Amino acid sequence: MLFGKKKEVAPEIYTEETCKSCGEKTKRRFEDGDYVFGAGVQCKKCSSSNTLVTAVYGEYPPESNKS
């Protein structure tokens, strides 16, 4: 594949949540309706429902160099 076009890979979208009670940060796959400073899901560490979405971002999968 000397002059072939590289296949574009879409990034995986993640949501980061922070618990306001215990400070635990969690990362999960993005779901429709997630937005920064929106209410998050229940904290798995302290069971508080006082979580906040602090980031929504994308990560590209690592490239595999096959020669």
N, C-alpha and C. Protein backbone atom coordinates (compact mmCIF):
# COMPACT_ATOMS: atom_id res chain seq x y z
N MET A 1 0.85 -1.17 0.00
CA MET A 1 0.00 0.00 0.00
C MET A 1 0.89 1.23 0.00
N LEU A 2 1.51 1.46 -1.11
CA LEU A 2 2.46 2.55 -1.22
C LEU A 2 1.78 3.91 -1.25
N PHE A 3 0.77 4.06 -2.08
CA PHE A 3 0.08 5.35 -2.19
C PHE A 3 -1.39 5.25 -1.85
N GLY A 4 -1.75 4.22 -1.12
CA GLY A 4 -3.14 4.02 -0.76
C GLY A 4 -3.61 5.04 0.27
N LYS A 5 -4.90 5.28 0.27
CA LYS A 5 -5.49 6.20 1.23
C LYS A 5 -5.65 5.50 2.57
N LYS A 6 -5.27 6.21 3.63
CA LYS A 6 -5.42 5.66 4.97
C LYS A 6 -6.88 5.67 5.37
N LYS A 7 -7.30 4.63 6.03
CA LYS A 7 -8.67 4.54 6.51
C LYS A 7 -8.82 5.39 7.77
N GLU A 8 -9.80 6.27 7.78
CA GLU A 8 -10.02 7.12 8.94
C GLU A 8 -10.81 6.35 9.99
N VAL A 9 -10.39 6.50 11.23
CA VAL A 9 -11.03 5.83 12.36
C VAL A 9 -11.69 6.89 13.23
N ALA A 10 -12.94 6.69 13.55
CA ALA A 10 -13.66 7.64 14.41
C ALA A 10 -13.21 7.50 15.85
N PRO A 11 -13.14 8.60 16.59
CA PRO A 11 -12.75 8.50 18.00
C PRO A 11 -13.87 7.94 18.85
N GLU A 12 -13.50 7.34 19.97
CA GLU A 12 -14.48 6.89 20.96
C GLU A 12 -14.77 8.09 21.85
N ILE A 13 -16.05 8.36 22.11
CA ILE A 13 -16.44 9.51 22.91
C ILE A 13 -16.72 9.05 24.35
N TYR A 14 -16.13 9.77 25.31
CA TYR A 14 -16.26 9.43 26.72
C TYR A 14 -16.80 10.60 27.53
N THR A 15 -17.41 10.30 28.65
CA THR A 15 -17.90 11.28 29.61
C THR A 15 -17.15 11.05 30.92
N GLU A 16 -16.61 12.12 31.50
CA GLU A 16 -15.95 12.03 32.80
C GLU A 16 -16.83 12.69 33.84
N GLU A 17 -17.05 11.97 34.94
CA GLU A 17 -17.90 12.47 36.02
C GLU A 17 -17.09 12.57 37.30
N THR A 18 -17.41 13.57 38.12
CA THR A 18 -16.76 13.75 39.41
C THR A 18 -17.83 13.83 40.48
N CYS A 19 -17.64 13.06 41.55
CA CYS A 19 -18.56 13.08 42.68
C CYS A 19 -18.23 14.28 43.56
N LYS A 20 -19.23 15.08 43.86
CA LYS A 20 -19.01 16.27 44.70
C LYS A 20 -18.85 15.87 46.18
N SER A 21 -19.29 14.69 46.55
CA SER A 21 -19.19 14.25 47.94
C SER A 21 -17.81 13.68 48.27
N CYS A 22 -17.35 12.72 47.46
CA CYS A 22 -16.09 12.04 47.80
C CYS A 22 -14.94 12.38 46.84
N GLY A 23 -15.23 13.04 45.72
CA GLY A 23 -14.18 13.42 44.78
C GLY A 23 -13.79 12.35 43.78
N GLU A 24 -14.46 11.22 43.79
CA GLU A 24 -14.16 10.11 42.87
C GLU A 24 -14.44 10.52 41.44
N LYS A 25 -13.47 10.25 40.54
CA LYS A 25 -13.65 10.54 39.12
C LYS A 25 -13.87 9.22 38.39
N THR A 26 -14.85 9.21 37.49
CA THR A 26 -15.13 8.02 36.70
C THR A 26 -15.21 8.39 35.23
N LYS A 27 -14.88 7.44 34.38
CA LYS A 27 -14.93 7.62 32.93
C LYS A 27 -15.84 6.54 32.37
N ARG A 28 -16.77 6.95 31.53
CA ARG A 28 -17.69 5.99 30.90
C ARG A 28 -17.95 6.43 29.47
N ARG A 29 -18.55 5.55 28.69
CA ARG A 29 -18.90 5.89 27.31
C ARG A 29 -19.97 6.98 27.30
N PHE A 30 -19.87 7.85 26.34
CA PHE A 30 -20.82 8.95 26.18
C PHE A 30 -22.22 8.39 25.89
N GLU A 31 -23.22 9.02 26.48
CA GLU A 31 -24.61 8.68 26.21
C GLU A 31 -25.32 9.95 25.73
N ASP A 32 -26.31 9.79 24.86
CA ASP A 32 -27.07 10.95 24.40
C ASP A 32 -27.62 11.72 25.59
N GLY A 33 -27.48 13.02 25.55
CA GLY A 33 -27.97 13.86 26.64
C GLY A 33 -26.88 14.28 27.62
N ASP A 34 -25.68 13.69 27.53
CA ASP A 34 -24.58 14.10 28.41
C ASP A 34 -24.08 15.47 27.99
N TYR A 35 -23.84 16.33 28.96
CA TYR A 35 -23.24 17.63 28.68
C TYR A 35 -22.47 18.09 29.92
N VAL A 36 -21.46 18.93 29.69
CA VAL A 36 -20.60 19.40 30.78
C VAL A 36 -21.42 20.22 31.76
N PHE A 37 -21.20 20.00 33.04
CA PHE A 37 -21.90 20.59 34.18
C PHE A 37 -23.32 20.06 34.34
N GLY A 38 -23.65 19.00 33.63
CA GLY A 38 -24.95 18.35 33.81
C GLY A 38 -24.86 17.33 34.95
N ALA A 39 -25.99 16.88 35.42
CA ALA A 39 -26.04 15.88 36.49
C ALA A 39 -25.55 14.54 35.96
N GLY A 40 -24.73 13.86 36.76
CA GLY A 40 -24.21 12.56 36.38
C GLY A 40 -25.02 11.44 36.99
N VAL A 41 -24.47 10.25 36.91
CA VAL A 41 -25.14 9.08 37.50
C VAL A 41 -24.67 8.90 38.94
N GLN A 42 -25.24 7.96 39.65
CA GLN A 42 -24.90 7.70 41.05
C GLN A 42 -23.44 7.26 41.19
N CYS A 43 -22.76 7.79 42.19
CA CYS A 43 -21.36 7.45 42.46
C CYS A 43 -21.26 5.99 42.90
N LYS A 44 -20.31 5.26 42.32
CA LYS A 44 -20.13 3.85 42.67
C LYS A 44 -19.37 3.68 43.97
N LYS A 45 -18.61 4.70 44.37
CA LYS A 45 -17.79 4.60 45.59
C LYS A 45 -18.61 4.89 46.85
N CYS A 46 -19.36 6.02 46.84
CA CYS A 46 -20.07 6.42 48.07
C CYS A 46 -21.60 6.39 47.91
N SER A 47 -22.10 5.99 46.75
CA SER A 47 -23.53 5.88 46.45
C SER A 47 -24.27 7.22 46.48
N SER A 48 -23.54 8.31 46.41
CA SER A 48 -24.15 9.63 46.37
C SER A 48 -24.68 9.90 44.96
N SER A 49 -25.78 10.62 44.87
CA SER A 49 -26.30 11.01 43.55
C SER A 49 -25.86 12.43 43.22
N ASN A 50 -24.86 12.93 43.93
CA ASN A 50 -24.37 14.29 43.78
C ASN A 50 -23.14 14.30 42.86
N THR A 51 -23.28 13.80 41.63
CA THR A 51 -22.17 13.78 40.68
C THR A 51 -22.41 14.81 39.59
N LEU A 52 -21.31 15.23 38.96
CA LEU A 52 -21.35 16.27 37.95
C LEU A 52 -20.51 15.84 36.76
N VAL A 53 -21.02 16.01 35.55
CA VAL A 53 -20.24 15.74 34.35
C VAL A 53 -19.21 16.85 34.22
N THR A 54 -17.93 16.50 34.26
CA THR A 54 -16.87 17.51 34.20
C THR A 54 -16.18 17.57 32.85
N ALA A 55 -16.35 16.57 31.99
CA ALA A 55 -15.72 16.59 30.68
C ALA A 55 -16.41 15.62 29.73
N VAL A 56 -16.43 15.99 28.46
CA VAL A 56 -16.86 15.11 27.38
C VAL A 56 -15.78 15.22 26.32
N TYR A 57 -15.17 14.09 25.96
CA TYR A 57 -14.02 14.14 25.04
C TYR A 57 -13.93 12.87 24.23
N GLY A 58 -13.12 12.92 23.19
CA GLY A 58 -12.90 11.77 22.33
C GLY A 58 -11.47 11.28 22.42
N GLU A 59 -11.28 9.98 22.28
CA GLU A 59 -9.96 9.36 22.26
C GLU A 59 -9.88 8.47 21.03
N TYR A 60 -8.78 8.60 20.29
CA TYR A 60 -8.57 7.72 19.16
C TYR A 60 -7.95 6.42 19.64
N PRO A 61 -8.36 5.30 19.07
CA PRO A 61 -7.74 4.02 19.47
C PRO A 61 -6.27 4.03 19.08
N PRO A 62 -5.42 3.32 19.83
CA PRO A 62 -3.99 3.28 19.48
C PRO A 62 -3.79 2.67 18.10
N GLU A 63 -2.83 3.24 17.38
CA GLU A 63 -2.53 2.72 16.03
C GLU A 63 -1.72 1.46 16.16
N SER A 64 -2.06 0.50 15.33
CA SER A 64 -1.27 -0.72 15.28
C SER A 64 -0.40 -0.66 14.03
N ASN A 65 0.90 -0.72 14.21
CA ASN A 65 1.84 -0.65 13.10
C ASN A 65 2.12 -2.04 12.58
N LYS A 66 1.40 -2.39 11.54
CA LYS A 66 1.59 -3.71 10.91
C LYS A 66 2.46 -3.52 9.69
N SER A 67 3.59 -4.17 9.67
CA SER A 67 4.50 -4.04 8.53
C SER A 67 4.54 -5.28 7.70
